N, C-alpha and C. Protein backbone atom coordinates (compact mmCIF):
# COMPACT_ATOMS: atom_id res chain seq x y z
N MET A 1 5.86 -2.58 -4.27
CA MET A 1 4.70 -3.40 -4.54
C MET A 1 5.14 -4.81 -4.94
N GLN A 2 6.19 -4.91 -5.76
CA GLN A 2 6.64 -6.23 -6.21
C GLN A 2 7.16 -7.06 -5.05
N ALA A 3 7.86 -6.45 -4.12
CA ALA A 3 8.36 -7.18 -2.96
C ALA A 3 7.21 -7.65 -2.08
N LEU A 4 6.19 -6.82 -1.92
CA LEU A 4 5.02 -7.23 -1.13
C LEU A 4 4.27 -8.36 -1.82
N TYR A 5 4.21 -8.31 -3.12
CA TYR A 5 3.60 -9.41 -3.87
C TYR A 5 4.38 -10.70 -3.63
N GLN A 6 5.70 -10.62 -3.67
CA GLN A 6 6.54 -11.80 -3.41
C GLN A 6 6.27 -12.35 -2.01
N LEU A 7 6.15 -11.47 -1.03
CA LEU A 7 5.85 -11.92 0.33
C LEU A 7 4.47 -12.56 0.41
N ASP A 8 3.52 -12.01 -0.30
CA ASP A 8 2.16 -12.55 -0.31
C ASP A 8 2.16 -13.97 -0.87
N VAL A 9 2.95 -14.19 -1.90
CA VAL A 9 3.02 -15.49 -2.55
C VAL A 9 3.88 -16.48 -1.76
N GLN A 10 5.06 -16.03 -1.33
CA GLN A 10 6.03 -16.94 -0.73
C GLN A 10 5.98 -16.98 0.79
N GLY A 11 5.36 -16.02 1.43
CA GLY A 11 5.26 -16.00 2.88
C GLY A 11 6.42 -15.27 3.54
N SER A 12 6.36 -15.21 4.85
CA SER A 12 7.30 -14.43 5.65
C SER A 12 8.75 -14.87 5.50
N ASP A 13 8.99 -16.10 5.12
CA ASP A 13 10.37 -16.56 4.94
C ASP A 13 11.10 -15.73 3.89
N TYR A 14 10.36 -15.13 2.98
CA TYR A 14 10.97 -14.32 1.92
C TYR A 14 11.57 -13.01 2.45
N LEU A 15 11.20 -12.63 3.69
CA LEU A 15 11.73 -11.39 4.27
C LEU A 15 13.26 -11.37 4.28
N ARG A 16 13.87 -12.52 4.46
CA ARG A 16 15.33 -12.57 4.52
C ARG A 16 15.96 -12.19 3.18
N ASP A 17 15.22 -12.31 2.08
CA ASP A 17 15.73 -11.99 0.75
C ASP A 17 15.30 -10.61 0.24
N ILE A 18 14.47 -9.92 0.99
CA ILE A 18 13.90 -8.65 0.52
C ILE A 18 14.98 -7.62 0.22
N GLY A 19 15.94 -7.47 1.12
CA GLY A 19 16.99 -6.48 0.92
C GLY A 19 17.74 -6.70 -0.38
N ALA A 20 18.13 -7.93 -0.64
CA ALA A 20 18.87 -8.24 -1.87
C ALA A 20 17.99 -8.00 -3.10
N PHE A 21 16.73 -8.39 -3.02
CA PHE A 21 15.80 -8.18 -4.14
C PHE A 21 15.69 -6.69 -4.47
N LEU A 22 15.51 -5.88 -3.44
CA LEU A 22 15.32 -4.44 -3.66
C LEU A 22 16.60 -3.77 -4.14
N ARG A 23 17.74 -4.17 -3.60
CA ARG A 23 19.01 -3.59 -4.05
C ARG A 23 19.27 -3.92 -5.52
N GLU A 24 18.84 -5.10 -5.94
CA GLU A 24 19.04 -5.50 -7.33
C GLU A 24 18.22 -4.66 -8.30
N TYR A 25 17.01 -4.29 -7.91
CA TYR A 25 16.10 -3.61 -8.84
C TYR A 25 15.93 -2.11 -8.59
N ALA A 26 16.44 -1.61 -7.48
CA ALA A 26 16.27 -0.18 -7.18
C ALA A 26 17.26 0.67 -7.96
N GLU A 27 16.88 1.91 -8.15
CA GLU A 27 17.72 2.85 -8.89
C GLU A 27 19.01 3.17 -8.15
N ASP A 28 18.92 3.28 -6.83
CA ASP A 28 20.11 3.55 -6.01
C ASP A 28 19.89 3.04 -4.60
N SER A 29 20.90 3.16 -3.76
CA SER A 29 20.82 2.59 -2.42
C SER A 29 19.79 3.30 -1.54
N LEU A 30 19.59 4.59 -1.74
CA LEU A 30 18.58 5.30 -0.96
C LEU A 30 17.18 4.80 -1.28
N VAL A 31 16.90 4.60 -2.56
CA VAL A 31 15.60 4.07 -2.98
C VAL A 31 15.40 2.66 -2.41
N ALA A 32 16.43 1.84 -2.48
CA ALA A 32 16.35 0.47 -1.95
C ALA A 32 16.09 0.48 -0.45
N SER A 33 16.76 1.36 0.25
CA SER A 33 16.59 1.45 1.71
C SER A 33 15.18 1.90 2.08
N LEU A 34 14.68 2.91 1.40
CA LEU A 34 13.33 3.38 1.67
C LEU A 34 12.29 2.32 1.32
N ALA A 35 12.48 1.67 0.18
CA ALA A 35 11.55 0.61 -0.22
C ALA A 35 11.57 -0.53 0.80
N GLU A 36 12.74 -0.89 1.28
CA GLU A 36 12.82 -1.96 2.27
C GLU A 36 12.11 -1.56 3.56
N GLN A 37 12.28 -0.31 3.97
CA GLN A 37 11.59 0.19 5.16
C GLN A 37 10.08 0.07 4.99
N TRP A 38 9.57 0.48 3.83
CA TRP A 38 8.13 0.41 3.58
C TRP A 38 7.63 -1.02 3.50
N VAL A 39 8.38 -1.89 2.86
CA VAL A 39 7.96 -3.30 2.73
C VAL A 39 7.92 -3.96 4.09
N ARG A 40 8.99 -3.81 4.85
CA ARG A 40 9.02 -4.43 6.18
C ARG A 40 7.94 -3.84 7.09
N GLY A 41 7.75 -2.54 7.02
CA GLY A 41 6.71 -1.90 7.82
C GLY A 41 5.32 -2.39 7.44
N THR A 42 5.07 -2.48 6.15
CA THR A 42 3.77 -2.98 5.69
C THR A 42 3.55 -4.40 6.16
N TRP A 43 4.56 -5.23 6.05
CA TRP A 43 4.42 -6.64 6.43
C TRP A 43 4.21 -6.77 7.93
N GLU A 44 4.90 -5.93 8.72
CA GLU A 44 4.74 -5.97 10.18
C GLU A 44 3.34 -5.49 10.59
N CYS A 45 2.75 -4.60 9.82
CA CYS A 45 1.44 -4.03 10.14
C CYS A 45 0.34 -4.60 9.25
N LEU A 46 0.58 -5.79 8.73
CA LEU A 46 -0.33 -6.38 7.75
C LEU A 46 -1.76 -6.51 8.26
N ASP A 47 -1.93 -6.94 9.50
CA ASP A 47 -3.29 -7.10 10.04
C ASP A 47 -4.02 -5.75 10.08
N THR A 48 -3.32 -4.71 10.50
CA THR A 48 -3.92 -3.38 10.54
C THR A 48 -4.28 -2.90 9.14
N CYS A 49 -3.34 -3.06 8.22
CA CYS A 49 -3.59 -2.63 6.83
C CYS A 49 -4.75 -3.39 6.22
N ASP A 50 -4.77 -4.70 6.40
CA ASP A 50 -5.85 -5.51 5.84
C ASP A 50 -7.20 -5.14 6.44
N ALA A 51 -7.23 -4.85 7.73
CA ALA A 51 -8.49 -4.45 8.37
C ALA A 51 -9.00 -3.13 7.79
N MET A 52 -8.09 -2.22 7.52
CA MET A 52 -8.49 -0.94 6.94
C MET A 52 -8.98 -1.11 5.51
N ILE A 53 -8.35 -2.01 4.77
CA ILE A 53 -8.80 -2.29 3.41
C ILE A 53 -10.20 -2.91 3.44
N ARG A 54 -10.39 -3.88 4.34
CA ARG A 54 -11.71 -4.52 4.45
C ARG A 54 -12.80 -3.51 4.78
N ALA A 55 -12.49 -2.57 5.68
CA ALA A 55 -13.48 -1.56 6.07
C ALA A 55 -13.81 -0.63 4.91
N ALA A 56 -12.84 -0.35 4.06
CA ALA A 56 -13.04 0.58 2.95
C ALA A 56 -13.63 -0.10 1.71
N ALA A 57 -13.32 -1.37 1.53
CA ALA A 57 -13.81 -2.13 0.36
C ALA A 57 -14.90 -3.08 0.84
N ILE A 58 -16.00 -2.52 1.20
CA ILE A 58 -17.06 -3.23 1.90
C ILE A 58 -17.54 -4.49 1.18
N LYS A 59 -17.70 -4.44 -0.11
CA LYS A 59 -18.25 -5.58 -0.84
C LYS A 59 -17.19 -6.53 -1.38
N TRP A 60 -15.94 -6.34 -0.99
CA TRP A 60 -14.84 -7.15 -1.53
C TRP A 60 -14.12 -7.89 -0.42
N GLU A 61 -13.88 -9.14 -0.65
CA GLU A 61 -13.04 -9.93 0.25
C GLU A 61 -11.60 -9.78 -0.23
N LEU A 62 -10.68 -9.66 0.70
CA LEU A 62 -9.27 -9.55 0.33
C LEU A 62 -8.82 -10.73 -0.52
N SER A 63 -9.32 -11.89 -0.20
CA SER A 63 -8.92 -13.10 -0.94
C SER A 63 -9.38 -13.06 -2.39
N ARG A 64 -10.41 -12.25 -2.71
CA ARG A 64 -10.91 -12.15 -4.08
C ARG A 64 -10.13 -11.16 -4.92
N LEU A 65 -9.34 -10.31 -4.27
CA LEU A 65 -8.55 -9.33 -5.01
C LEU A 65 -7.35 -10.01 -5.65
N SER A 66 -6.91 -9.48 -6.77
CA SER A 66 -5.68 -10.01 -7.36
C SER A 66 -4.52 -9.71 -6.40
N GLY A 67 -3.50 -10.53 -6.47
CA GLY A 67 -2.33 -10.33 -5.62
C GLY A 67 -1.69 -8.97 -5.84
N VAL A 68 -1.71 -8.51 -7.08
CA VAL A 68 -1.13 -7.20 -7.40
C VAL A 68 -1.96 -6.09 -6.74
N ASP A 69 -3.27 -6.13 -6.89
CA ASP A 69 -4.11 -5.11 -6.27
C ASP A 69 -4.00 -5.14 -4.76
N ARG A 70 -3.97 -6.31 -4.19
CA ARG A 70 -3.83 -6.45 -2.74
C ARG A 70 -2.51 -5.82 -2.28
N SER A 71 -1.44 -6.05 -3.02
CA SER A 71 -0.14 -5.50 -2.65
C SER A 71 -0.11 -3.98 -2.79
N ILE A 72 -0.71 -3.47 -3.85
CA ILE A 72 -0.79 -2.01 -4.04
C ILE A 72 -1.57 -1.38 -2.89
N LEU A 73 -2.70 -1.96 -2.55
CA LEU A 73 -3.53 -1.41 -1.47
C LEU A 73 -2.82 -1.50 -0.13
N ARG A 74 -2.18 -2.60 0.14
CA ARG A 74 -1.47 -2.74 1.42
C ARG A 74 -0.39 -1.68 1.57
N LEU A 75 0.39 -1.48 0.53
CA LEU A 75 1.44 -0.46 0.59
C LEU A 75 0.83 0.93 0.75
N GLY A 76 -0.21 1.22 -0.02
CA GLY A 76 -0.86 2.52 0.09
C GLY A 76 -1.43 2.77 1.47
N VAL A 77 -2.10 1.79 2.03
CA VAL A 77 -2.68 1.95 3.37
C VAL A 77 -1.58 2.12 4.40
N TYR A 78 -0.51 1.34 4.29
CA TYR A 78 0.60 1.50 5.22
C TYR A 78 1.13 2.94 5.17
N GLN A 79 1.34 3.45 3.97
CA GLN A 79 1.89 4.80 3.84
C GLN A 79 0.90 5.85 4.35
N LEU A 80 -0.38 5.66 4.10
CA LEU A 80 -1.37 6.61 4.61
C LEU A 80 -1.42 6.60 6.13
N ARG A 81 -1.33 5.41 6.71
CA ARG A 81 -1.47 5.29 8.17
C ARG A 81 -0.18 5.58 8.93
N PHE A 82 0.95 5.12 8.41
CA PHE A 82 2.18 5.15 9.20
C PHE A 82 3.28 6.06 8.65
N CYS A 83 3.05 6.74 7.54
CA CYS A 83 4.05 7.64 6.96
C CYS A 83 3.43 9.03 6.77
N PRO A 84 3.19 9.75 7.86
CA PRO A 84 2.52 11.04 7.74
C PRO A 84 3.32 12.09 6.98
N GLU A 85 4.62 11.85 6.78
CA GLU A 85 5.43 12.80 6.02
C GLU A 85 5.11 12.76 4.52
N ILE A 86 4.40 11.72 4.08
CA ILE A 86 4.00 11.62 2.67
C ILE A 86 2.56 12.12 2.56
N PRO A 87 2.33 13.16 1.78
CA PRO A 87 0.94 13.65 1.65
C PRO A 87 0.01 12.54 1.12
N GLY A 88 -1.17 12.49 1.69
CA GLY A 88 -2.13 11.44 1.33
C GLY A 88 -2.44 11.37 -0.15
N LYS A 89 -2.62 12.52 -0.77
CA LYS A 89 -2.94 12.53 -2.20
C LYS A 89 -1.78 12.01 -3.03
N VAL A 90 -0.55 12.21 -2.57
CA VAL A 90 0.62 11.67 -3.27
C VAL A 90 0.62 10.15 -3.20
N VAL A 91 0.31 9.62 -2.02
CA VAL A 91 0.23 8.17 -1.85
C VAL A 91 -0.81 7.59 -2.82
N ILE A 92 -1.98 8.20 -2.85
CA ILE A 92 -3.05 7.71 -3.71
C ILE A 92 -2.67 7.81 -5.19
N ASN A 93 -2.12 8.93 -5.59
CA ASN A 93 -1.74 9.10 -6.99
C ASN A 93 -0.68 8.09 -7.41
N GLU A 94 0.29 7.84 -6.57
CA GLU A 94 1.34 6.85 -6.89
C GLU A 94 0.73 5.45 -6.99
N ALA A 95 -0.18 5.12 -6.09
CA ALA A 95 -0.83 3.80 -6.12
C ALA A 95 -1.64 3.64 -7.42
N ILE A 96 -2.31 4.69 -7.84
CA ILE A 96 -3.08 4.64 -9.09
C ILE A 96 -2.14 4.40 -10.27
N GLU A 97 -1.01 5.09 -10.29
CA GLU A 97 -0.06 4.90 -11.39
C GLU A 97 0.51 3.48 -11.40
N ILE A 98 0.77 2.93 -10.25
CA ILE A 98 1.25 1.53 -10.18
C ILE A 98 0.17 0.59 -10.70
N ALA A 99 -1.08 0.84 -10.30
CA ALA A 99 -2.19 0.00 -10.77
C ALA A 99 -2.35 0.10 -12.29
N LYS A 100 -2.18 1.29 -12.84
CA LYS A 100 -2.27 1.45 -14.30
C LYS A 100 -1.20 0.63 -15.01
N LYS A 101 -0.02 0.59 -14.41
CA LYS A 101 1.10 -0.09 -15.05
C LYS A 101 1.06 -1.61 -14.88
N TYR A 102 0.65 -2.08 -13.71
CA TYR A 102 0.80 -3.49 -13.39
C TYR A 102 -0.49 -4.28 -13.24
N SER A 103 -1.64 -3.61 -13.26
CA SER A 103 -2.88 -4.34 -12.98
C SER A 103 -3.90 -4.17 -14.10
N GLY A 104 -5.12 -4.58 -13.82
CA GLY A 104 -6.17 -4.59 -14.83
C GLY A 104 -6.77 -3.21 -15.08
N GLN A 105 -7.62 -3.16 -16.06
CA GLN A 105 -8.22 -1.90 -16.52
C GLN A 105 -9.05 -1.22 -15.43
N GLN A 106 -9.75 -1.97 -14.62
CA GLN A 106 -10.61 -1.39 -13.58
C GLN A 106 -9.85 -1.10 -12.28
N SER A 107 -8.65 -1.62 -12.17
CA SER A 107 -7.90 -1.50 -10.92
C SER A 107 -7.58 -0.07 -10.48
N PRO A 108 -7.15 0.82 -11.38
CA PRO A 108 -6.84 2.18 -10.91
C PRO A 108 -8.03 2.86 -10.22
N ARG A 109 -9.20 2.66 -10.79
CA ARG A 109 -10.41 3.25 -10.19
C ARG A 109 -10.72 2.63 -8.83
N PHE A 110 -10.58 1.31 -8.75
CA PHE A 110 -10.83 0.61 -7.50
C PHE A 110 -9.82 1.04 -6.43
N VAL A 111 -8.55 1.08 -6.79
CA VAL A 111 -7.49 1.49 -5.86
C VAL A 111 -7.76 2.91 -5.37
N ASN A 112 -8.13 3.80 -6.28
CA ASN A 112 -8.44 5.17 -5.90
C ASN A 112 -9.59 5.22 -4.89
N GLY A 113 -10.64 4.48 -5.15
CA GLY A 113 -11.79 4.49 -4.26
C GLY A 113 -11.47 3.97 -2.87
N VAL A 114 -10.75 2.87 -2.81
CA VAL A 114 -10.42 2.27 -1.51
C VAL A 114 -9.48 3.19 -0.73
N LEU A 115 -8.42 3.65 -1.37
CA LEU A 115 -7.45 4.48 -0.64
C LEU A 115 -8.04 5.83 -0.26
N ASP A 116 -8.90 6.38 -1.10
CA ASP A 116 -9.56 7.64 -0.74
C ASP A 116 -10.45 7.45 0.48
N ALA A 117 -11.16 6.33 0.55
CA ALA A 117 -12.00 6.04 1.72
C ALA A 117 -11.13 5.87 2.97
N VAL A 118 -9.99 5.21 2.84
CA VAL A 118 -9.09 5.05 3.98
C VAL A 118 -8.58 6.41 4.44
N LEU A 119 -8.17 7.25 3.50
CA LEU A 119 -7.67 8.58 3.84
C LEU A 119 -8.74 9.41 4.55
N ARG A 120 -9.96 9.38 4.03
CA ARG A 120 -11.05 10.13 4.67
C ARG A 120 -11.29 9.64 6.09
N GLN A 121 -11.23 8.32 6.30
CA GLN A 121 -11.43 7.78 7.64
C GLN A 121 -10.30 8.20 8.58
N LEU A 122 -9.07 8.15 8.09
CA LEU A 122 -7.93 8.56 8.91
C LEU A 122 -8.04 10.04 9.29
N CYS A 123 -8.47 10.87 8.35
CA CYS A 123 -8.66 12.29 8.65
C CYS A 123 -9.77 12.50 9.67
N ALA A 124 -10.86 11.76 9.51
CA ALA A 124 -11.98 11.86 10.45
C ALA A 124 -11.56 11.41 11.85
N ASP A 125 -10.66 10.43 11.91
CA ASP A 125 -10.17 9.93 13.19
C ASP A 125 -9.06 10.80 13.77
N GLY A 126 -8.61 11.80 13.01
CA GLY A 126 -7.55 12.68 13.48
C GLY A 126 -6.15 12.10 13.36
N VAL A 127 -6.02 10.99 12.62
CA VAL A 127 -4.71 10.34 12.47
C VAL A 127 -3.84 11.12 11.51
N ARG A 128 -4.44 11.77 10.52
CA ARG A 128 -3.70 12.60 9.55
C ARG A 128 -4.22 14.03 9.65
N PRO A 129 -3.88 14.71 10.73
CA PRO A 129 -4.43 16.04 10.94
C PRO A 129 -3.97 17.07 9.92
N GLY A 130 -2.88 16.82 9.23
CA GLY A 130 -2.39 17.76 8.22
C GLY A 130 -3.19 17.71 6.95
N GLN A 131 -4.05 16.75 6.79
CA GLN A 131 -4.85 16.58 5.58
C GLN A 131 -6.17 17.33 5.75
N ARG A 132 -6.66 17.90 4.67
CA ARG A 132 -7.97 18.52 4.73
C ARG A 132 -9.04 17.45 4.68
N ARG A 133 -10.04 17.63 5.48
CA ARG A 133 -11.17 16.70 5.45
C ARG A 133 -12.00 16.93 4.21
N GLN A 134 -12.50 15.83 3.68
CA GLN A 134 -13.35 15.94 2.50
C GLN A 134 -14.78 15.64 2.90
N THR A 135 -15.71 16.35 2.29
CA THR A 135 -17.12 16.11 2.63
C THR A 135 -17.83 15.45 1.49
């Protein structure tokens, strides 16, 4: 999330520094490698992720969200859409925990609502067939 926030603030030129940033702050090289994969993937699929966020957060403009919330949602949507090996509920729970730690009081609830709506839509579209549909 922090690397995505940096990209949001500094722009795509920061991609060249992402690996070093993550290696400096990650627990080990495997964590850094996985985080870099997710950050680069999210940034490459930013338009898709943002469109899914807009569809799920109907009354909110992306530009009105805090940079932290935007980064949390982008990472969560990327993982829901492009990382089927991660269970959807795990993605959502991790995003909520990040929001509790780094964002405002209302953010965990908002993040939960948006990501849950994205997950339900992906299940309805058959993109995450391993997930149970919710009614």
